Amino acid sequence: MKRAVSTLVALAVLTFGYSLPSFAHEGHDHKIVGTVTMAAADHVMLKDKDGKDVTVKVTKDTKVRSKAAMKVEDLKAGARVVITATQEKDQSFTAKTIEVGGAPAAAAAPPAKK
């Protein structure tokens, strides 16, 4: 009987132990992938990969990583980004880094005709 209980406890710990890291909680880094809808000096708004609107606070310590040097407010609508952010107790996000990709293909200018 002890062996059966020990086996069940071990199985429960393994099952729940693997699923716990997937829950969002404050104080840890989260990756937010999406398309910028609006950017200002103090926040960025984007649509995430699931189509949800997300607002991420920006501080003076937030780093923008892109091919060309830029500030957060220089981000254009349609730019794809990966934001590493910390979730606060009030469930808001504060960006540590913003990695900038390119504009989506649909927003790119058509090729010039010859």
N, C-alpha and C. Protein backbone atom coordinates (compact mmCIF):
# COMPACT_ATOMS: atom_id res chain seq x y z
N MET A 1 0.82 -1.20 0.00
CA MET A 1 0.00 0.00 0.00
C MET A 1 0.87 1.26 0.00
N LYS A 2 1.94 1.25 0.83
CA LYS A 2 2.84 2.41 0.86
C LYS A 2 3.46 2.64 -0.51
N ARG A 3 3.78 1.55 -1.16
CA ARG A 3 4.41 1.66 -2.48
C ARG A 3 3.45 2.31 -3.49
N ALA A 4 2.19 1.95 -3.44
CA ALA A 4 1.19 2.52 -4.36
C ALA A 4 1.00 4.01 -4.09
N VAL A 5 0.94 4.39 -2.82
CA VAL A 5 0.78 5.80 -2.47
C VAL A 5 2.01 6.58 -2.92
N SER A 6 3.19 6.04 -2.68
CA SER A 6 4.44 6.71 -3.10
C SER A 6 4.48 6.89 -4.61
N THR A 7 4.04 5.89 -5.33
CA THR A 7 4.02 5.97 -6.79
C THR A 7 3.04 7.05 -7.26
N LEU A 8 1.86 7.11 -6.65
CA LEU A 8 0.89 8.13 -7.01
C LEU A 8 1.40 9.54 -6.70
N VAL A 9 2.03 9.70 -5.56
CA VAL A 9 2.58 11.01 -5.19
C VAL A 9 3.67 11.41 -6.18
N ALA A 10 4.56 10.50 -6.52
CA ALA A 10 5.63 10.80 -7.47
C ALA A 10 5.05 11.16 -8.84
N LEU A 11 4.03 10.43 -9.26
CA LEU A 11 3.39 10.71 -10.54
C LEU A 11 2.73 12.09 -10.53
N ALA A 12 2.06 12.44 -9.45
CA ALA A 12 1.43 13.75 -9.34
C ALA A 12 2.46 14.87 -9.37
N VAL A 13 3.57 14.70 -8.66
CA VAL A 13 4.63 15.71 -8.65
C VAL A 13 5.21 15.89 -10.04
N LEU A 14 5.45 14.78 -10.73
CA LEU A 14 6.00 14.88 -12.09
C LEU A 14 5.00 15.54 -13.04
N THR A 15 3.74 15.18 -12.93
CA THR A 15 2.72 15.75 -13.82
C THR A 15 2.56 17.24 -13.60
N PHE A 16 2.35 17.66 -12.36
CA PHE A 16 2.14 19.07 -12.07
C PHE A 16 3.44 19.86 -12.13
N GLY A 17 4.54 19.24 -11.85
CA GLY A 17 5.83 19.92 -11.90
C GLY A 17 6.19 20.37 -13.30
N TYR A 18 5.82 19.60 -14.31
CA TYR A 18 6.12 19.97 -15.69
C TYR A 18 5.17 21.04 -16.22
N SER A 19 3.96 21.11 -15.69
CA SER A 19 3.00 22.08 -16.22
C SER A 19 3.08 23.43 -15.50
N LEU A 20 3.62 23.49 -14.31
CA LEU A 20 3.66 24.74 -13.56
C LEU A 20 4.43 25.86 -14.23
N PRO A 21 5.58 25.62 -14.86
CA PRO A 21 6.31 26.74 -15.48
C PRO A 21 5.53 27.43 -16.60
N SER A 22 4.50 26.81 -17.14
CA SER A 22 3.77 27.44 -18.23
C SER A 22 2.81 28.52 -17.75
N PHE A 23 2.53 28.59 -16.45
CA PHE A 23 1.65 29.64 -15.92
C PHE A 23 2.42 30.95 -15.81
N ALA A 24 1.79 32.06 -16.20
CA ALA A 24 2.42 33.37 -16.09
C ALA A 24 2.36 33.84 -14.64
N HIS A 25 3.45 34.44 -14.18
CA HIS A 25 3.48 34.97 -12.83
C HIS A 25 4.46 36.12 -12.78
N GLU A 26 4.21 37.04 -11.84
CA GLU A 26 5.01 38.25 -11.80
C GLU A 26 6.45 37.97 -11.39
N GLY A 27 7.32 38.92 -11.75
CA GLY A 27 8.71 38.85 -11.35
C GLY A 27 9.61 38.04 -12.25
N HIS A 28 9.05 37.42 -13.27
CA HIS A 28 9.86 36.61 -14.18
C HIS A 28 9.76 37.17 -15.60
N ASP A 29 10.76 36.86 -16.41
CA ASP A 29 10.76 37.33 -17.80
C ASP A 29 9.76 36.53 -18.64
N HIS A 30 9.10 37.25 -19.54
CA HIS A 30 8.17 36.66 -20.49
C HIS A 30 8.52 37.17 -21.87
N LYS A 31 8.36 36.33 -22.89
CA LYS A 31 8.55 36.74 -24.28
C LYS A 31 7.19 37.04 -24.88
N ILE A 32 7.07 38.23 -25.44
CA ILE A 32 5.83 38.63 -26.10
C ILE A 32 6.17 38.87 -27.57
N VAL A 33 5.57 38.08 -28.44
CA VAL A 33 5.83 38.17 -29.86
C VAL A 33 4.61 38.78 -30.53
N GLY A 34 4.82 39.79 -31.38
CA GLY A 34 3.68 40.40 -32.03
C GLY A 34 4.05 41.47 -33.02
N THR A 35 3.02 42.20 -33.46
CA THR A 35 3.15 43.27 -34.45
C THR A 35 2.76 44.58 -33.79
N VAL A 36 3.62 45.57 -33.91
CA VAL A 36 3.39 46.88 -33.29
C VAL A 36 2.16 47.53 -33.92
N THR A 37 1.27 48.06 -33.06
CA THR A 37 0.14 48.85 -33.55
C THR A 37 0.36 50.33 -33.22
N MET A 38 1.15 50.62 -32.17
CA MET A 38 1.45 52.00 -31.79
C MET A 38 2.62 51.99 -30.82
N ALA A 39 3.49 53.00 -30.94
CA ALA A 39 4.63 53.11 -30.03
C ALA A 39 4.80 54.54 -29.56
N ALA A 40 5.11 54.70 -28.29
CA ALA A 40 5.39 56.01 -27.69
C ALA A 40 6.60 55.84 -26.79
N ALA A 41 7.08 56.92 -26.23
CA ALA A 41 8.28 56.86 -25.39
C ALA A 41 8.07 56.03 -24.13
N ASP A 42 6.81 55.95 -23.65
CA ASP A 42 6.58 55.24 -22.39
C ASP A 42 5.85 53.90 -22.52
N HIS A 43 5.40 53.52 -23.74
CA HIS A 43 4.75 52.23 -23.91
C HIS A 43 4.70 51.83 -25.38
N VAL A 44 4.48 50.53 -25.59
CA VAL A 44 4.30 49.97 -26.93
C VAL A 44 3.02 49.15 -26.90
N MET A 45 2.21 49.32 -27.94
CA MET A 45 1.01 48.51 -28.07
C MET A 45 1.21 47.58 -29.26
N LEU A 46 0.80 46.32 -29.10
CA LEU A 46 0.96 45.37 -30.18
C LEU A 46 -0.13 44.33 -30.16
N LYS A 47 -0.28 43.65 -31.29
CA LYS A 47 -1.14 42.47 -31.38
C LYS A 47 -0.22 41.28 -31.27
N ASP A 48 -0.51 40.40 -30.29
CA ASP A 48 0.35 39.23 -30.12
C ASP A 48 0.01 38.17 -31.16
N LYS A 49 0.71 37.07 -31.11
CA LYS A 49 0.53 36.02 -32.13
C LYS A 49 -0.86 35.40 -32.09
N ASP A 50 -1.59 35.58 -30.97
CA ASP A 50 -2.96 35.08 -30.87
C ASP A 50 -4.00 36.13 -31.24
N GLY A 51 -3.53 37.33 -31.66
CA GLY A 51 -4.44 38.40 -32.06
C GLY A 51 -4.93 39.27 -30.91
N LYS A 52 -4.40 39.06 -29.71
CA LYS A 52 -4.80 39.85 -28.55
C LYS A 52 -4.00 41.14 -28.51
N ASP A 53 -4.65 42.24 -28.06
CA ASP A 53 -3.97 43.51 -27.87
C ASP A 53 -3.19 43.47 -26.56
N VAL A 54 -1.92 43.87 -26.62
CA VAL A 54 -1.05 43.88 -25.45
C VAL A 54 -0.37 45.24 -25.36
N THR A 55 -0.36 45.82 -24.17
CA THR A 55 0.37 47.07 -23.93
C THR A 55 1.52 46.75 -23.00
N VAL A 56 2.72 47.21 -23.38
CA VAL A 56 3.92 46.96 -22.59
C VAL A 56 4.53 48.30 -22.22
N LYS A 57 4.76 48.50 -20.94
CA LYS A 57 5.40 49.74 -20.47
C LYS A 57 6.87 49.74 -20.88
N VAL A 58 7.39 50.94 -21.11
CA VAL A 58 8.79 51.13 -21.49
C VAL A 58 9.43 52.07 -20.48
N THR A 59 10.67 51.77 -20.07
CA THR A 59 11.40 52.64 -19.15
C THR A 59 12.68 53.12 -19.81
N LYS A 60 13.42 53.96 -19.10
CA LYS A 60 14.70 54.44 -19.63
C LYS A 60 15.71 53.30 -19.74
N ASP A 61 15.47 52.20 -19.04
CA ASP A 61 16.38 51.05 -19.09
C ASP A 61 16.05 50.06 -20.19
N THR A 62 14.92 50.24 -20.88
CA THR A 62 14.54 49.34 -21.96
C THR A 62 15.50 49.50 -23.12
N LYS A 63 16.01 48.39 -23.62
CA LYS A 63 16.95 48.38 -24.75
C LYS A 63 16.21 47.99 -26.02
N VAL A 64 16.44 48.73 -27.11
CA VAL A 64 15.88 48.41 -28.41
C VAL A 64 16.99 47.82 -29.26
N ARG A 65 16.77 46.61 -29.75
CA ARG A 65 17.75 45.94 -30.60
C ARG A 65 17.20 45.88 -32.02
N SER A 66 17.90 46.55 -32.93
CA SER A 66 17.49 46.56 -34.34
C SER A 66 18.72 46.76 -35.19
N LYS A 67 18.57 46.59 -36.50
CA LYS A 67 19.70 46.78 -37.42
C LYS A 67 20.21 48.21 -37.36
N ALA A 68 19.29 49.17 -37.36
CA ALA A 68 19.66 50.58 -37.26
C ALA A 68 19.31 51.07 -35.86
N ALA A 69 20.13 51.96 -35.32
CA ALA A 69 19.86 52.51 -33.99
C ALA A 69 18.52 53.22 -33.99
N MET A 70 17.70 52.96 -32.96
CA MET A 70 16.40 53.61 -32.87
C MET A 70 15.93 53.68 -31.44
N LYS A 71 14.99 54.57 -31.22
CA LYS A 71 14.34 54.70 -29.93
C LYS A 71 12.98 54.01 -30.02
N VAL A 72 12.38 53.75 -28.88
CA VAL A 72 11.09 53.07 -28.86
C VAL A 72 10.05 53.83 -29.69
N GLU A 73 10.01 55.15 -29.54
CA GLU A 73 9.00 55.94 -30.27
C GLU A 73 9.22 55.94 -31.78
N ASP A 74 10.38 55.45 -32.25
CA ASP A 74 10.65 55.35 -33.68
C ASP A 74 10.04 54.09 -34.30
N LEU A 75 9.56 53.16 -33.47
CA LEU A 75 8.94 51.94 -33.99
C LEU A 75 7.72 52.30 -34.83
N LYS A 76 7.58 51.66 -35.95
CA LYS A 76 6.45 51.93 -36.86
C LYS A 76 5.40 50.83 -36.72
N ALA A 77 4.14 51.22 -36.92
CA ALA A 77 3.05 50.24 -36.93
C ALA A 77 3.36 49.20 -38.00
N GLY A 78 3.16 47.95 -37.67
CA GLY A 78 3.43 46.86 -38.60
C GLY A 78 4.76 46.17 -38.37
N ALA A 79 5.65 46.79 -37.58
CA ALA A 79 6.94 46.16 -37.30
C ALA A 79 6.72 44.94 -36.40
N ARG A 80 7.43 43.88 -36.71
CA ARG A 80 7.34 42.68 -35.87
C ARG A 80 8.39 42.79 -34.78
N VAL A 81 8.00 42.44 -33.55
CA VAL A 81 8.90 42.56 -32.41
C VAL A 81 8.81 41.34 -31.51
N VAL A 82 9.89 41.12 -30.78
CA VAL A 82 9.91 40.16 -29.68
C VAL A 82 10.32 40.98 -28.46
N ILE A 83 9.43 41.06 -27.49
CA ILE A 83 9.68 41.85 -26.29
C ILE A 83 9.93 40.91 -25.12
N THR A 84 11.05 41.12 -24.44
CA THR A 84 11.30 40.42 -23.19
C THR A 84 10.86 41.37 -22.09
N ALA A 85 9.88 40.93 -21.30
CA ALA A 85 9.28 41.81 -20.31
C ALA A 85 9.10 41.09 -18.98
N THR A 86 9.03 41.88 -17.93
CA THR A 86 8.74 41.37 -16.60
C THR A 86 7.29 41.69 -16.29
N GLN A 87 6.57 40.70 -15.74
CA GLN A 87 5.18 40.94 -15.36
C GLN A 87 5.15 41.44 -13.92
N GLU A 88 4.44 42.54 -13.73
CA GLU A 88 4.34 43.17 -12.41
C GLU A 88 3.18 42.57 -11.63
N LYS A 89 3.08 42.92 -10.35
CA LYS A 89 2.00 42.41 -9.50
C LYS A 89 0.62 42.79 -10.02
N ASP A 90 0.51 43.95 -10.68
CA ASP A 90 -0.78 44.38 -11.23
C ASP A 90 -1.07 43.75 -12.60
N GLN A 91 -0.28 42.75 -12.98
CA GLN A 91 -0.41 42.00 -14.23
C GLN A 91 0.05 42.77 -15.46
N SER A 92 0.58 43.98 -15.29
CA SER A 92 1.11 44.74 -16.43
C SER A 92 2.50 44.22 -16.77
N PHE A 93 2.97 44.56 -17.97
CA PHE A 93 4.30 44.16 -18.41
C PHE A 93 5.19 45.38 -18.55
N THR A 94 6.47 45.23 -18.17
CA THR A 94 7.47 46.27 -18.36
C THR A 94 8.60 45.68 -19.19
N ALA A 95 8.90 46.33 -20.32
CA ALA A 95 9.88 45.79 -21.27
C ALA A 95 11.31 45.94 -20.76
N LYS A 96 12.08 44.87 -20.93
CA LYS A 96 13.53 44.93 -20.70
C LYS A 96 14.22 45.16 -22.05
N THR A 97 13.84 44.34 -23.04
CA THR A 97 14.39 44.50 -24.38
C THR A 97 13.28 44.38 -25.41
N ILE A 98 13.48 45.09 -26.52
CA ILE A 98 12.58 45.00 -27.67
C ILE A 98 13.46 44.67 -28.87
N GLU A 99 13.26 43.49 -29.43
CA GLU A 99 14.01 43.07 -30.61
C GLU A 99 13.12 43.32 -31.82
N VAL A 100 13.62 44.12 -32.76
CA VAL A 100 12.82 44.55 -33.90
C VAL A 100 13.16 43.71 -35.12
N GLY A 101 12.11 43.16 -35.76
CA GLY A 101 12.26 42.44 -37.02
C GLY A 101 11.88 43.37 -38.15
N GLY A 102 11.41 42.82 -39.25
CA GLY A 102 11.00 43.64 -40.39
C GLY A 102 9.51 43.87 -40.41
N ALA A 103 9.06 44.64 -41.37
CA ALA A 103 7.63 44.84 -41.57
C ALA A 103 7.05 43.58 -42.20
N PRO A 104 5.79 43.27 -41.95
CA PRO A 104 5.19 42.10 -42.59
C PRO A 104 5.18 42.26 -44.11
N ALA A 105 5.19 41.15 -44.81
CA ALA A 105 5.26 41.17 -46.28
C ALA A 105 4.13 41.97 -46.90
N ALA A 106 2.92 41.90 -46.33
CA ALA A 106 1.78 42.61 -46.90
C ALA A 106 1.97 44.12 -46.84
N ALA A 107 2.77 44.59 -45.88
CA ALA A 107 2.97 46.04 -45.72
C ALA A 107 4.15 46.56 -46.54
N ALA A 108 4.90 45.66 -47.12
CA ALA A 108 6.07 46.07 -47.91
C ALA A 108 5.61 46.70 -49.22
N ALA A 109 6.40 47.62 -49.70
CA ALA A 109 6.07 48.31 -50.96
C ALA A 109 6.19 47.33 -52.12
N PRO A 110 5.33 47.45 -53.13
CA PRO A 110 5.42 46.56 -54.28
C PRO A 110 6.68 46.86 -55.08
N PRO A 111 7.21 45.87 -55.78
CA PRO A 111 8.41 46.10 -56.56
C PRO A 111 8.15 47.13 -57.68
N ALA A 112 9.16 47.89 -58.02
CA ALA A 112 9.06 48.90 -59.08
C ALA A 112 8.90 48.22 -60.43
N LYS A 113 8.04 48.81 -61.29
CA LYS A 113 7.83 48.25 -62.63
C LYS A 113 8.90 48.79 -63.56
N LYS A 114 9.30 47.96 -64.47
CA LYS A 114 10.31 48.38 -65.45
C LYS A 114 9.70 48.66 -66.77
